[in-house]
Amino acid sequence: VFDNGEIKTYFPHLNEECRTCGNCKTSYFYKVKKPGNKIVYIGDGWSDRCISQESDVIFAKGKLARFCHENGISYIPYHTFGDVIREMTSW
């Protein structure tokens, strides 16, 4: 936000209990997760690690793939969204 010529950061989706990521993706997860639904998550970065522990299917690359590998979290590696689409259409 610009305020009197200064840039001020604003994180409307910060989890006040955790405060690790400016955008808590896990809070979205709990808003959309319904009994019987599966959550498919696609990610590649640091802010994706918490939700990777909650999602039913994870497509990961980069830092997220490393995190999943190091923590024994099952994931499907991908390079592009084309890879994700090809994998999901084969289900």
Protein backbone atom coordinates (compact mmCIF):
# COMPACT_ATOMS: atom_id res chain seq x y z
CA VAL A 1 0.00 0.00 0.00
CA PHE A 2 1.27 3.51 -0.80
CA ASP A 3 0.80 5.84 2.15
CA ASN A 4 2.08 9.43 1.93
CA GLY A 5 4.74 8.39 -0.59
CA GLU A 6 5.88 5.38 1.43
CA ILE A 7 5.35 1.73 0.64
CA LYS A 8 3.77 -0.17 3.50
CA THR A 9 3.36 -3.92 3.36
CA TYR A 10 0.01 -5.44 4.17
CA PHE A 11 -0.62 -9.15 4.60
CA PRO A 12 -4.39 -9.73 4.78
CA HIS A 13 -3.99 -13.53 4.81
CA LEU A 14 -1.31 -13.81 7.48
CA ASN A 15 -1.87 -16.53 10.07
CA GLU A 16 -1.34 -14.64 13.32
CA GLU A 17 -0.53 -17.85 15.21
CA CYS A 18 2.24 -18.89 12.83
CA ARG A 19 3.42 -15.66 11.15
CA THR A 20 5.81 -17.63 8.91
CA CYS A 21 4.26 -16.81 5.53
CA GLY A 22 2.54 -13.61 4.48
CA ASN A 23 -0.14 -15.64 2.70
CA CYS A 24 -1.33 -18.66 4.70
CA LYS A 25 -2.46 -21.14 2.07
CA THR A 26 -3.51 -23.65 4.70
CA SER A 27 -6.23 -21.28 5.90
CA TYR A 28 -7.71 -21.41 2.37
CA PHE A 29 -7.48 -25.19 2.52
CA TYR A 30 -9.75 -25.36 5.56
CA LYS A 31 -12.26 -23.04 3.89
CA VAL A 32 -12.66 -25.25 0.79
CA LYS A 33 -12.05 -28.75 2.16
CA LYS A 34 -15.33 -30.62 2.52
CA PRO A 35 -15.86 -34.24 3.61
CA GLY A 36 -15.39 -36.53 0.63
CA ASN A 37 -13.54 -33.95 -1.49
CA LYS A 38 -9.93 -34.38 -2.48
CA ILE A 39 -7.58 -31.42 -2.54
CA VAL A 40 -5.02 -31.44 -5.35
CA TYR A 41 -2.26 -28.92 -4.70
CA ILE A 42 0.39 -27.64 -7.11
CA GLY A 43 3.37 -25.80 -5.70
CA ASP A 44 7.05 -25.02 -5.92
CA GLY A 45 8.06 -22.83 -3.03
CA TRP A 46 8.64 -22.22 0.64
CA SER A 47 5.10 -21.01 1.37
CA ASP A 48 3.69 -24.31 0.03
CA ARG A 49 5.22 -26.58 2.64
CA CYS A 50 2.48 -26.37 5.29
CA ILE A 51 -0.37 -27.09 2.92
CA SER A 52 1.58 -29.97 1.38
CA GLN A 53 1.13 -31.78 4.69
CA GLU A 54 -2.67 -31.42 4.43
CA SER A 55 -3.42 -31.97 0.73
CA ASP A 56 -4.54 -35.29 -0.71
CA VAL A 57 -2.47 -35.10 -3.91
CA ILE A 58 0.60 -32.88 -4.31
CA PHE A 59 2.36 -31.85 -7.49
CA ALA A 60 5.71 -30.41 -6.49
CA LYS A 61 8.88 -28.99 -7.96
CA GLY A 62 11.73 -26.84 -6.67
CA LYS A 63 11.83 -26.11 -2.94
CA LEU A 64 8.53 -27.87 -2.33
CA ALA A 65 9.76 -31.08 -3.98
CA ARG A 66 12.87 -30.96 -1.79
CA PHE A 67 10.75 -30.40 1.33
CA CYS A 68 8.41 -33.28 0.45
CA HIS A 69 11.32 -35.61 -0.30
CA GLU A 70 13.14 -34.73 2.94
CA ASN A 71 9.97 -35.18 5.01
CA GLY A 72 8.63 -38.35 3.43
CA ILE A 73 5.60 -36.63 1.90
CA SER A 74 4.31 -38.34 -1.22
CA TYR A 75 4.25 -36.07 -4.28
CA ILE A 76 4.19 -36.11 -8.06
CA PRO A 77 7.07 -34.21 -9.62
CA TYR A 78 6.29 -31.79 -12.46
CA HIS A 79 8.10 -29.23 -14.61
CA THR A 80 5.20 -27.43 -16.30
CA PHE A 81 1.43 -27.23 -15.93
CA GLY A 82 1.30 -29.37 -19.06
CA ASP A 83 2.82 -32.18 -16.97
CA VAL A 84 0.09 -31.71 -14.36
CA ILE A 85 -2.67 -31.75 -16.98
CA ARG A 86 -1.29 -34.90 -18.63
CA GLU A 87 -1.07 -36.67 -15.27
CA MET A 88 -4.56 -35.66 -14.15
CA THR A 89 -6.23 -36.63 -17.45
CA SER A 90 -4.79 -40.13 -17.06
CA TRP A 91 -6.68 -40.67 -13.79
